[in-house]
């Protein structure tokens, strides 16, 4: 099993300097209701549910989960380098802990894939909003690279939906 990701390198972020504003902007994509942690858990959960019913789809969803986990690590590491401690909450700066209610609990494959597609499209839209207010070229390059993976996930999910309809 391998991650479902674009075949392009992620930008190097070795020379980041403190930039709390940019770190706070990134926090919305980290471990919130619509963040990377939710994506990791949702795809892993769906993989578990589909193991016997549709092994191929289950493996693809786990591959997407692996990429989302990499995004989660990249964002957390970047936030920390920027001077923001990554937190696992429902909203950045809030004190409501993250919970599994953020993850779609659907057990119908079409509904799962629709939920996933909606989540990926929302993620892309949120990342694009971030780009409009960021002023850190290094971090912008990371976000742009992550968007490429999310766009690949959209296309992959559309293919899975077409395949699931015909079965």
C-alpha atoms as a PDB file:
ATOM      1  CA  UNK A   1       0.000   0.000   0.000  1.00  0.00           C
ATOM      2  CA  UNK A   2       1.328   3.425  -0.905  1.00  0.00           C
ATOM      3  CA  UNK A   3       0.147   6.973  -0.323  1.00  0.00           C
ATOM      4  CA  UNK A   4      -2.114   8.543  -2.943  1.00  0.00           C
ATOM      5  CA  UNK A   5      -0.098  11.700  -3.629  1.00  0.00           C
ATOM      6  CA  UNK A   6       1.222  13.731  -6.538  1.00  0.00           C
ATOM      7  CA  UNK A   7       4.641  12.703  -7.733  1.00  0.00           C
ATOM      8  CA  UNK A   8       6.207  16.040  -6.804  1.00  0.00           C
ATOM      9  CA  UNK A   9       8.406  16.926  -3.832  1.00  0.00           C
ATOM     10  CA  UNK A  10       7.133  18.980  -0.942  1.00  0.00           C
ATOM     11  CA  UNK A  11       8.993  22.265  -0.460  1.00  0.00           C
ATOM     12  CA  UNK A  12      11.842  22.390   2.023  1.00  0.00           C
ATOM     13  CA  UNK A  13      10.984  24.395   5.120  1.00  0.00           C
ATOM     14  CA  UNK A  14      14.309  24.243   6.937  1.00  0.00           C
ATOM     15  CA  UNK A  15      14.830  28.010   7.114  1.00  0.00           C
ATOM     16  CA  UNK A  16      11.505  29.090   8.568  1.00  0.00           C
ATOM     17  CA  UNK A  17      11.559  31.890  11.104  1.00  0.00           C
ATOM     18  CA  UNK A  18       8.927  32.700  13.717  1.00  0.00           C
ATOM     19  CA  UNK A  19       5.714  33.885  12.078  1.00  0.00           C
ATOM     20  CA  UNK A  20       2.871  33.349  14.519  1.00  0.00           C
ATOM     21  CA  UNK A  21       0.263  34.858  12.209  1.00  0.00           C
ATOM     22  CA  UNK A  22       0.981  32.301   9.462  1.00  0.00           C
ATOM     23  CA  UNK A  23       1.112  29.488  12.023  1.00  0.00           C
ATOM     24  CA  UNK A  24      -2.306  30.483  13.310  1.00  0.00           C
ATOM     25  CA  UNK A  25      -3.686  30.541   9.774  1.00  0.00           C
ATOM     26  CA  UNK A  26      -2.368  27.002   9.229  1.00  0.00           C
ATOM     27  CA  UNK A  27      -3.981  25.789  12.447  1.00  0.00           C
ATOM     28  CA  UNK A  28      -7.388  25.764  10.740  1.00  0.00           C
ATOM     29  CA  UNK A  29      -6.190  22.895   8.543  1.00  0.00           C
ATOM     30  CA  UNK A  30      -4.482  20.926  11.303  1.00  0.00           C
ATOM     31  CA  UNK A  31      -6.695  19.130  13.820  1.00  0.00           C
ATOM     32  CA  UNK A  32     -10.057  20.835  13.597  1.00  0.00           C
ATOM     33  CA  UNK A  33     -13.453  19.599  12.433  1.00  0.00           C
ATOM     34  CA  UNK A  34     -12.410  20.031   8.785  1.00  0.00           C
ATOM     35  CA  UNK A  35      -8.684  19.518   9.258  1.00  0.00           C
ATOM     36  CA  UNK A  36      -6.161  16.911   8.263  1.00  0.00           C
ATOM     37  CA  UNK A  37      -6.649  14.850  11.430  1.00  0.00           C
ATOM     38  CA  UNK A  38     -10.316  14.355  10.579  1.00  0.00           C
ATOM     39  CA  UNK A  39      -9.329  13.253   7.078  1.00  0.00           C
ATOM     40  CA  UNK A  40      -6.794  10.746   8.441  1.00  0.00           C
ATOM     41  CA  UNK A  41      -9.332   9.213  10.809  1.00  0.00           C
ATOM     42  CA  UNK A  42     -12.213   9.213   8.337  1.00  0.00           C
ATOM     43  CA  UNK A  43     -10.284   7.428   5.593  1.00  0.00           C
ATOM     44  CA  UNK A  44      -8.777   4.930   8.054  1.00  0.00           C
ATOM     45  CA  UNK A  45     -12.238   4.214   9.504  1.00  0.00           C
ATOM     46  CA  UNK A  46     -13.675   3.667   6.034  1.00  0.00           C
ATOM     47  CA  UNK A  47     -10.781   1.369   5.173  1.00  0.00           C
ATOM     48  CA  UNK A  48     -11.695  -0.775   8.158  1.00  0.00           C
ATOM     49  CA  UNK A  49     -15.392  -0.886   7.200  1.00  0.00           C
ATOM     50  CA  UNK A  50     -14.707  -1.810   3.568  1.00  0.00           C
ATOM     51  CA  UNK A  51     -11.980  -4.443   4.061  1.00  0.00           C
ATOM     52  CA  UNK A  52     -14.255  -7.379   3.253  1.00  0.00           C
ATOM     53  CA  UNK A  53     -16.866  -5.712   1.033  1.00  0.00           C
ATOM     54  CA  UNK A  54     -14.536  -3.842  -1.339  1.00  0.00           C
ATOM     55  CA  UNK A  55     -10.860  -4.472  -0.656  1.00  0.00           C
ATOM     56  CA  UNK A  56      -9.629  -2.359  -3.589  1.00  0.00           C
ATOM     57  CA  UNK A  57     -11.560   0.737  -2.476  1.00  0.00           C
ATOM     58  CA  UNK A  58     -10.477   0.104   1.118  1.00  0.00           C
ATOM     59  CA  UNK A  59      -6.812   0.100   0.064  1.00  0.00           C
ATOM     60  CA  UNK A  60      -7.195   3.285  -1.978  1.00  0.00           C
ATOM     61  CA  UNK A  61      -8.849   5.052   0.956  1.00  0.00           C
ATOM     62  CA  UNK A  62      -5.998   3.957   3.231  1.00  0.00           C
ATOM     63  CA  UNK A  63      -3.552   5.349   0.660  1.00  0.00           C
ATOM     64  CA  UNK A  64      -5.362   8.684   0.839  1.00  0.00           C
ATOM     65  CA  UNK A  65      -5.285   8.484   4.644  1.00  0.00           C
ATOM     66  CA  UNK A  66      -1.516   8.014   4.540  1.00  0.00           C
ATOM     67  CA  UNK A  67      -1.139  11.191   2.479  1.00  0.00           C
ATOM     68  CA  UNK A  68      -3.424  13.103   4.841  1.00  0.00           C
ATOM     69  CA  UNK A  69      -1.279  11.865   7.741  1.00  0.00           C
ATOM     70  CA  UNK A  70       1.771  13.270   5.978  1.00  0.00           C
ATOM     71  CA  UNK A  71      -0.052  16.607   5.578  1.00  0.00           C
ATOM     72  CA  UNK A  72      -0.912  16.480   9.304  1.00  0.00           C
ATOM     73  CA  UNK A  73       2.766  16.002  10.160  1.00  0.00           C
ATOM     74  CA  UNK A  74       3.923  18.713   7.737  1.00  0.00           C
ATOM     75  CA  UNK A  75       1.413  21.229   9.085  1.00  0.00           C
ATOM     76  CA  UNK A  76       2.187  20.461  12.726  1.00  0.00           C
ATOM     77  CA  UNK A  77       5.935  20.672  12.156  1.00  0.00           C
ATOM     78  CA  UNK A  78       5.555  23.905  10.191  1.00  0.00           C
ATOM     79  CA  UNK A  79       3.295  25.479  12.803  1.00  0.00           C
ATOM     80  CA  UNK A  80       5.797  24.616  15.526  1.00  0.00           C
ATOM     81  CA  UNK A  81       8.680  26.120  13.532  1.00  0.00           C
ATOM     82  CA  UNK A  82       6.583  29.258  13.064  1.00  0.00           C
ATOM     83  CA  UNK A  83       6.108  29.578  16.830  1.00  0.00           C
ATOM     84  CA  UNK A  84       2.630  28.069  17.222  1.00  0.00           C
ATOM     85  CA  UNK A  85       2.114  24.951  19.309  1.00  0.00           C
ATOM     86  CA  UNK A  86      -0.195  22.615  17.366  1.00  0.00           C
ATOM     87  CA  UNK A  87      -3.324  21.730  19.334  1.00  0.00           C
ATOM     88  CA  UNK A  88      -5.947  19.077  18.798  1.00  0.00           C
ATOM     89  CA  UNK A  89      -9.181  21.027  19.275  1.00  0.00           C
ATOM     90  CA  UNK A  90     -12.396  21.488  17.362  1.00  0.00           C
ATOM     91  CA  UNK A  91     -11.468  25.098  16.594  1.00  0.00           C
ATOM     92  CA  UNK A  92      -8.072  26.824  16.646  1.00  0.00           C
ATOM     93  CA  UNK A  93      -7.505  28.659  19.902  1.00  0.00           C
ATOM     94  CA  UNK A  94     -10.492  26.950  21.468  1.00  0.00           C
ATOM     95  CA  UNK A  95     -10.591  24.658  24.436  1.00  0.00           C
ATOM     96  CA  UNK A  96     -13.148  22.151  23.127  1.00  0.00           C
ATOM     97  CA  UNK A  97     -11.220  18.919  22.595  1.00  0.00           C
ATOM     98  CA  UNK A  98     -11.303  17.165  19.268  1.00  0.00           C
ATOM     99  CA  UNK A  99     -13.753  14.249  19.205  1.00  0.00           C
ATOM    100  CA  UNK A 100     -14.795  11.469  16.870  1.00  0.00           C
ATOM    101  CA  UNK A 101     -18.026  13.289  16.044  1.00  0.00           C
ATOM    102  CA  UNK A 102     -15.938  15.145  13.478  1.00  0.00           C
ATOM    103  CA  UNK A 103     -15.591  11.918  11.459  1.00  0.00           C
ATOM    104  CA  UNK A 104     -18.371  10.782   9.116  1.00  0.00           C
ATOM    105  CA  UNK A 105     -19.903   7.600  10.518  1.00  0.00           C
ATOM    106  CA  UNK A 106     -21.552   6.552   7.247  1.00  0.00           C
ATOM    107  CA  UNK A 107     -21.450   2.848   6.394  1.00  0.00           C
ATOM    108  CA  UNK A 108     -22.887   3.112   2.861  1.00  0.00           C
ATOM    109  CA  UNK A 109     -20.086   3.210   0.280  1.00  0.00           C
ATOM    110  CA  UNK A 110     -21.724   5.861  -1.920  1.00  0.00           C
ATOM    111  CA  UNK A 111     -22.398   8.074   1.116  1.00  0.00           C
ATOM    112  CA  UNK A 112     -18.826   7.530   2.344  1.00  0.00           C
ATOM    113  CA  UNK A 113     -17.391   8.605  -0.979  1.00  0.00           C
ATOM    114  CA  UNK A 114     -19.741  11.609  -1.181  1.00  0.00           C
ATOM    115  CA  UNK A 115     -18.697  12.666   2.330  1.00  0.00           C
ATOM    116  CA  UNK A 116     -15.052  12.269   1.339  1.00  0.00           C
ATOM    117  CA  UNK A 117     -15.495  14.249  -1.867  1.00  0.00           C
ATOM    118  CA  UNK A 118     -17.246  17.051   0.000  1.00  0.00           C
ATOM    119  CA  UNK A 119     -14.455  17.091   2.595  1.00  0.00           C
ATOM    120  CA  UNK A 120     -11.729  17.260  -0.058  1.00  0.00           C
ATOM    121  CA  UNK A 121     -13.487  20.088  -1.902  1.00  0.00           C
ATOM    122  CA  UNK A 122     -13.918  21.961   1.400  1.00  0.00           C
ATOM    123  CA  UNK A 123     -10.233  21.426   2.201  1.00  0.00           C
ATOM    124  CA  UNK A 124      -9.188  22.835  -1.170  1.00  0.00           C
ATOM    125  CA  UNK A 125     -11.440  25.868  -0.676  1.00  0.00           C
ATOM    126  CA  UNK A 126     -10.053  26.456   2.833  1.00  0.00           C
ATOM    127  CA  UNK A 127      -6.452  26.142   1.671  1.00  0.00           C
ATOM    128  CA  UNK A 128      -7.142  28.654  -1.110  1.00  0.00           C
ATOM    129  CA  UNK A 129      -8.610  31.078   1.442  1.00  0.00           C
ATOM    130  CA  UNK A 130      -5.442  30.680   3.494  1.00  0.00           C
ATOM    131  CA  UNK A 131      -3.318  31.540   0.480  1.00  0.00           C
ATOM    132  CA  UNK A 132      -5.225  34.801   0.057  1.00  0.00           C
ATOM    133  CA  UNK A 133      -4.244  36.013   3.541  1.00  0.00           C
ATOM    134  CA  UNK A 134      -0.784  34.461   3.980  1.00  0.00           C
ATOM    135  CA  UNK A 135       2.343  36.497   3.496  1.00  0.00           C
ATOM    136  CA  UNK A 136       4.953  33.777   3.820  1.00  0.00           C
ATOM    137  CA  UNK A 137       6.185  32.428   0.488  1.00  0.00           C
ATOM    138  CA  UNK A 138       7.703  29.263   1.950  1.00  0.00           C
ATOM    139  CA  UNK A 139       4.490  28.254   3.692  1.00  0.00           C
ATOM    140  CA  UNK A 140       2.424  29.284   0.679  1.00  0.00           C
ATOM    141  CA  UNK A 141       4.487  26.839  -1.403  1.00  0.00           C
ATOM    142  CA  UNK A 142       3.665  24.069   1.087  1.00  0.00           C
ATOM    143  CA  UNK A 143      -0.051  24.855   0.970  1.00  0.00           C
ATOM    144  CA  UNK A 144       0.003  24.924  -2.837  1.00  0.00           C
ATOM    145  CA  UNK A 145       1.702  21.517  -2.845  1.00  0.00           C
ATOM    146  CA  UNK A 146      -0.857  20.089  -0.411  1.00  0.00           C
ATOM    147  CA  UNK A 147      -3.649  21.395  -2.657  1.00  0.00           C
ATOM    148  CA  UNK A 148      -2.234  19.287  -5.503  1.00  0.00           C
ATOM    149  CA  UNK A 149      -2.662  16.162  -3.372  1.00  0.00           C
ATOM    150  CA  UNK A 150      -6.188  17.168  -2.394  1.00  0.00           C
ATOM    151  CA  UNK A 151      -7.063  17.695  -6.075  1.00  0.00           C
ATOM    152  CA  UNK A 152      -5.718  14.224  -6.851  1.00  0.00           C
ATOM    153  CA  UNK A 153      -7.903  12.862  -4.061  1.00  0.00           C
ATOM    154  CA  UNK A 154     -10.948  14.543  -5.635  1.00  0.00           C
ATOM    155  CA  UNK A 155     -10.247  12.848  -8.962  1.00  0.00           C
ATOM    156  CA  UNK A 156      -9.587   9.504  -7.260  1.00  0.00           C
ATOM    157  CA  UNK A 157     -12.845   9.723  -5.311  1.00  0.00           C
ATOM    158  CA  UNK A 158     -14.812  10.592  -8.443  1.00  0.00           C
ATOM    159  CA  UNK A 159     -13.397   7.481 -10.121  1.00  0.00           C
ATOM    160  CA  UNK A 160     -14.301   5.361  -7.101  1.00  0.00           C
ATOM    161  CA  UNK A 161     -17.838   6.768  -7.117  1.00  0.00           C
ATOM    162  CA  UNK A 162     -18.258   5.885 -10.787  1.00  0.00           C
ATOM    163  CA  UNK A 163     -16.913   2.401 -10.141  1.00  0.00           C
ATOM    164  CA  UNK A 164     -19.145   1.893  -7.085  1.00  0.00           C
ATOM    165  CA  UNK A 165     -22.252   2.931  -9.051  1.00  0.00           C
ATOM    166  CA  UNK A 166     -21.595   0.329 -11.722  1.00  0.00           C
ATOM    167  CA  UNK A 167     -21.203  -2.494  -9.154  1.00  0.00           C
END
